[in-house]
Amino acid sequence: MASHDRQAIRVLIVDDHEVVRLGLRTLLSRVSTIRVAGEAGTAAAALAEASRLQPDVVLMDVRLPDGSGIEACREIRSTCPTTRVLFLTSFPDEEAVLSTILAGGDGYLLKEVSGDLLIGAIERVAAGQSMLDPTVTTRLLAWVRSLDSVTAGGDRHDGLSPQEQRVLALVAEGQTNKEIAAALSLSDKTVRNYLSNIFQKLHVSRRSQAVSVFLGGHPQHRPAVGG
């Protein structure tokens, strides 16, 4: 039993399936160190509830009916900087995992995870640590390493200007356009223009794809995926 002196971890459950939310609430309600503060079934509701409740941890699905949990994570981390986001999803997709990390996510677990591991992950994330499902970690590491052969020597981003490389480095750190603009003393529109140019030069269409190229040539910037 946990000490009653310790404040319970307040969790917001975000999933579009009511049965899943009920199951998670039932599981977590049995743990004295965790308290379910609220639920949401859409990205819009997740943003509203996160802002209202200021939970310690948001347990977030990747795919929601009105948008992406990844975008919702980015918004939540921007408006609720002390809130941690742990993704719980059915999709072991390498690019999705990288996208959640870049959006400021603190963990990524598959829904087949055991109850004990999920509870432990919530506690770790609330304590400031990161948590990736072992299956996902193995796939992500192999995928990121494979980028080295694609971007050997960094030749694919040599065509970027110094400022474009600075912008892309900040994207790789998970910063939002607004945060990048503040860091580089630029307007939001200028940052969007830089990103548009970067996408065109790298022949990609998404932030995560651009960062994949960047990470392949700059391994020191790779996000931590273990521990």
Protein backbone atom coordinates (compact mmCIF):
# COMPACT_ATOMS: atom_id res chain seq x y z
CA MET A 1 0.00 0.00 0.00
CA ALA A 2 1.24 3.47 -0.82
CA SER A 3 1.69 6.09 1.83
CA HIS A 4 -1.38 8.29 2.26
CA ASP A 5 0.94 11.28 2.71
CA ARG A 6 1.77 11.08 -0.97
CA GLN A 7 -0.56 13.04 -3.22
CA ALA A 8 -2.29 10.85 -5.79
CA ILE A 9 -1.34 11.24 -9.46
CA ARG A 10 -4.24 12.94 -11.24
CA VAL A 11 -4.92 11.31 -14.62
CA LEU A 12 -7.06 12.45 -17.56
CA ILE A 13 -8.14 9.53 -19.78
CA VAL A 14 -8.53 10.37 -23.49
CA ASP A 15 -9.99 7.68 -25.76
CA ASP A 16 -12.90 7.74 -28.18
CA HIS A 17 -14.21 4.34 -27.03
CA GLU A 18 -16.41 4.51 -23.94
CA VAL A 19 -15.70 0.87 -23.05
CA VAL A 20 -11.95 1.52 -23.10
CA ARG A 21 -12.35 4.57 -20.87
CA LEU A 22 -14.50 2.55 -18.46
CA GLY A 23 -11.94 -0.25 -18.34
CA LEU A 24 -9.09 2.17 -17.67
CA ARG A 25 -11.06 4.02 -15.00
CA THR A 26 -11.90 0.71 -13.29
CA LEU A 27 -8.26 -0.42 -13.39
CA LEU A 28 -6.83 2.87 -12.14
CA SER A 29 -9.46 3.30 -9.42
CA ARG A 30 -7.96 0.29 -7.66
CA VAL A 31 -4.59 2.04 -7.27
CA SER A 32 -4.16 4.29 -4.24
CA THR A 33 -1.39 6.34 -5.91
CA ILE A 34 -3.57 7.30 -8.90
CA ARG A 35 -6.84 9.25 -9.17
CA VAL A 36 -8.82 9.58 -12.41
CA ALA A 37 -9.52 13.32 -12.64
CA GLY A 38 -11.59 13.16 -15.82
CA GLU A 39 -12.28 11.66 -19.24
CA ALA A 40 -12.48 12.88 -22.83
CA GLY A 41 -13.49 11.20 -26.07
CA THR A 42 -12.27 13.78 -28.59
CA ALA A 43 -9.22 15.97 -29.17
CA ALA A 44 -11.26 19.12 -28.52
CA ALA A 45 -12.59 17.74 -25.24
CA ALA A 46 -9.07 16.63 -24.26
CA LEU A 47 -7.77 20.18 -24.69
CA ALA A 48 -10.66 21.66 -22.74
CA GLU A 49 -10.42 19.14 -19.90
CA ALA A 50 -6.63 19.38 -19.68
CA SER A 51 -6.89 23.15 -19.38
CA ARG A 52 -9.66 22.90 -16.77
CA LEU A 53 -8.24 20.07 -14.67
CA GLN A 54 -4.47 20.60 -15.07
CA PRO A 55 -3.86 16.83 -14.59
CA ASP A 56 -0.46 15.35 -13.79
CA VAL A 57 -0.73 12.83 -16.64
CA VAL A 58 -2.91 12.60 -19.76
CA LEU A 59 -3.41 9.02 -20.95
CA MET A 60 -3.86 9.72 -24.67
CA ASP A 61 -4.92 7.69 -27.70
CA VAL A 62 -3.18 8.55 -30.99
CA ARG A 63 -6.27 8.52 -33.20
CA LEU A 64 -9.32 10.51 -32.17
CA PRO A 65 -12.52 11.17 -34.16
CA ASP A 66 -11.90 14.90 -34.58
CA GLY A 67 -8.13 14.94 -34.99
CA SER A 68 -4.81 13.56 -33.86
CA GLY A 69 -3.82 12.84 -30.29
CA ILE A 70 -0.35 13.96 -31.35
CA GLU A 71 -1.56 17.46 -32.17
CA ALA A 72 -3.61 17.47 -28.98
CA CYS A 73 -0.45 16.54 -27.07
CA ARG A 74 1.46 19.42 -28.63
CA GLU A 75 -1.30 21.85 -27.62
CA ILE A 76 -1.59 20.45 -24.10
CA ARG A 77 2.16 20.67 -23.51
CA SER A 78 2.05 24.27 -24.74
CA THR A 79 -0.84 25.34 -22.51
CA CYS A 80 -0.21 22.99 -19.54
CA PRO A 81 3.60 22.73 -19.31
CA THR A 82 3.57 20.68 -16.10
CA THR A 83 1.20 18.04 -17.53
CA ARG A 84 2.83 14.87 -18.85
CA VAL A 85 1.37 12.89 -21.77
CA LEU A 86 1.50 9.10 -22.00
CA PHE A 87 0.18 7.59 -25.24
CA LEU A 88 -1.80 4.35 -25.06
CA THR A 89 -2.65 3.08 -28.52
CA SER A 90 -3.12 0.05 -30.76
CA PHE A 91 -0.64 1.26 -33.39
CA PRO A 92 3.06 0.19 -33.17
CA ASP A 93 3.96 2.57 -36.00
CA GLU A 94 7.53 3.90 -35.94
CA GLU A 95 6.68 7.27 -37.44
CA ALA A 96 3.78 7.72 -35.02
CA VAL A 97 6.10 6.97 -32.09
CA LEU A 98 8.63 9.54 -33.31
CA SER A 99 5.84 12.06 -33.87
CA THR A 100 4.61 11.65 -30.30
CA ILE A 101 8.13 12.24 -28.98
CA LEU A 102 8.52 15.35 -31.13
CA ALA A 103 5.14 16.60 -29.88
CA GLY A 104 6.40 16.43 -26.31
CA GLY A 105 4.97 13.04 -25.36
CA ASP A 106 6.56 11.27 -22.40
CA GLY A 107 5.72 7.69 -23.24
CA TYR A 108 4.16 5.31 -25.76
CA LEU A 109 2.49 2.03 -24.81
CA LEU A 110 0.41 -0.46 -26.77
CA LYS A 111 -3.07 -1.30 -25.48
CA GLU A 112 -2.08 -4.94 -25.08
CA VAL A 113 0.16 -3.87 -22.17
CA SER A 114 -0.49 -5.44 -18.77
CA GLY A 115 -2.28 -3.46 -16.08
CA ASP A 116 0.76 -3.52 -13.81
CA LEU A 117 3.03 -2.15 -16.54
CA LEU A 118 0.54 0.60 -17.38
CA ILE A 119 0.29 1.66 -13.74
CA GLY A 120 4.07 1.63 -13.42
CA ALA A 121 4.37 3.70 -16.60
CA ILE A 122 1.94 6.32 -15.30
CA GLU A 123 3.96 6.57 -12.08
CA ARG A 124 7.25 6.86 -13.98
CA VAL A 125 5.94 9.49 -16.37
CA ALA A 126 4.45 11.49 -13.49
CA ALA A 127 7.89 11.40 -11.85
CA GLY A 128 9.49 12.95 -14.93
CA GLN A 129 10.77 9.79 -16.61
CA SER A 130 9.96 8.44 -20.08
CA MET A 131 8.44 5.11 -20.99
CA LEU A 132 8.25 3.29 -24.30
CA ASP A 133 6.77 -0.14 -24.86
CA PRO A 134 9.67 -2.61 -25.32
CA THR A 135 8.22 -3.80 -28.64
CA VAL A 136 7.94 -0.23 -29.89
CA THR A 137 11.45 0.64 -28.66
CA THR A 138 13.03 -2.18 -30.62
CA ARG A 139 11.21 -1.21 -33.82
CA LEU A 140 11.93 2.51 -33.38
CA LEU A 141 15.65 1.98 -32.75
CA ALA A 142 15.95 -0.23 -35.82
CA TRP A 143 14.06 2.32 -37.91
CA VAL A 144 16.13 5.29 -36.72
CA ARG A 145 19.37 3.37 -37.29
CA SER A 146 18.25 2.53 -40.82
CA LEU A 147 18.13 6.25 -41.53
CA ASP A 148 21.93 6.35 -41.35
CA SER A 149 22.20 4.49 -44.63
CA VAL A 150 19.69 6.85 -46.24
CA THR A 151 21.30 10.04 -44.95
CA ALA A 152 24.96 8.95 -44.84
CA GLY A 153 27.19 11.99 -44.71
CA GLY A 154 24.22 14.29 -44.20
CA ASP A 155 24.03 14.94 -47.93
CA ARG A 156 20.25 15.16 -47.93
CA HIS A 157 20.17 18.30 -45.81
CA ASP A 158 23.36 20.01 -46.96
CA GLY A 159 21.10 22.19 -49.15
CA LEU A 160 19.44 23.75 -46.11
CA SER A 161 20.50 27.23 -45.07
CA PRO A 162 22.00 27.68 -41.57
CA GLN A 163 18.73 29.23 -40.36
CA GLU A 164 16.69 26.37 -41.84
CA GLN A 165 18.94 23.89 -40.06
CA ARG A 166 18.42 25.78 -36.80
CA VAL A 167 14.65 25.64 -37.30
CA LEU A 168 14.77 21.91 -38.06
CA ALA A 169 16.95 21.24 -35.01
CA LEU A 170 14.33 22.89 -32.80
CA VAL A 171 11.58 20.87 -34.49
CA ALA A 172 13.62 17.75 -33.65
CA GLU A 173 13.56 18.82 -30.01
CA GLY A 174 9.75 18.81 -30.11
CA GLN A 175 9.25 22.57 -30.06
CA THR A 176 6.09 24.09 -31.54
CA ASN A 177 6.15 26.76 -34.26
CA LYS A 178 5.36 29.38 -31.60
CA GLU A 179 8.27 28.21 -29.42
CA ILE A 180 10.63 28.15 -32.39
CA ALA A 181 9.57 31.68 -33.35
CA ALA A 182 10.31 32.90 -29.82
CA ALA A 183 13.66 31.10 -29.65
CA LEU A 184 14.87 32.53 -32.97
CA SER A 185 13.14 35.93 -32.70
CA LEU A 186 10.99 35.23 -35.74
CA SER A 187 7.27 35.52 -36.49
CA ASP A 188 5.07 32.43 -36.61
CA LYS A 189 4.54 33.05 -40.32
CA THR A 190 8.29 33.15 -40.97
CA VAL A 191 8.73 29.83 -39.17
CA ARG A 192 5.96 28.31 -41.31
CA ASN A 193 7.72 29.61 -44.42
CA TYR A 194 11.02 28.08 -43.30
CA LEU A 195 9.30 24.75 -42.69
CA SER A 196 7.65 24.89 -46.11
CA ASN A 197 11.06 25.44 -47.72
CA ILE A 198 12.59 22.64 -45.64
CA PHE A 199 9.85 20.20 -46.67
CA GLN A 200 10.34 21.12 -50.33
CA LYS A 201 14.13 20.72 -50.18
CA LEU A 202 13.95 17.39 -48.35
CA HIS A 203 11.07 16.10 -50.51
CA VAL A 204 8.88 15.37 -47.49
CA SER A 205 5.41 16.49 -46.42
CA ARG A 206 5.38 16.14 -42.63
CA ARG A 207 7.41 17.34 -39.65
CA SER A 208 8.25 13.82 -38.54
CA GLN A 209 9.59 12.91 -42.00
CA ALA A 210 11.81 16.00 -42.06
CA VAL A 211 13.10 15.22 -38.58
CA SER A 212 13.79 11.62 -39.64
CA VAL A 213 16.18 12.95 -42.27
CA PHE A 214 17.72 15.35 -39.77
CA LEU A 215 18.18 12.64 -37.13
CA GLY A 216 19.87 10.35 -39.60
CA GLY A 217 22.61 12.89 -40.18
CA HIS A 218 22.79 14.23 -36.61
CA PRO A 219 22.65 11.26 -34.20
CA GLN A 220 23.46 13.50 -31.24
CA HIS A 221 19.99 15.04 -31.62
CA ARG A 222 18.10 11.75 -31.45
CA PRO A 223 15.39 11.65 -28.80
CA ALA A 224 15.90 9.35 -25.85
CA VAL A 225 13.82 6.21 -26.29
CA GLY A 226 14.69 4.25 -23.20
CA GLY A 227 14.77 4.62 -19.46
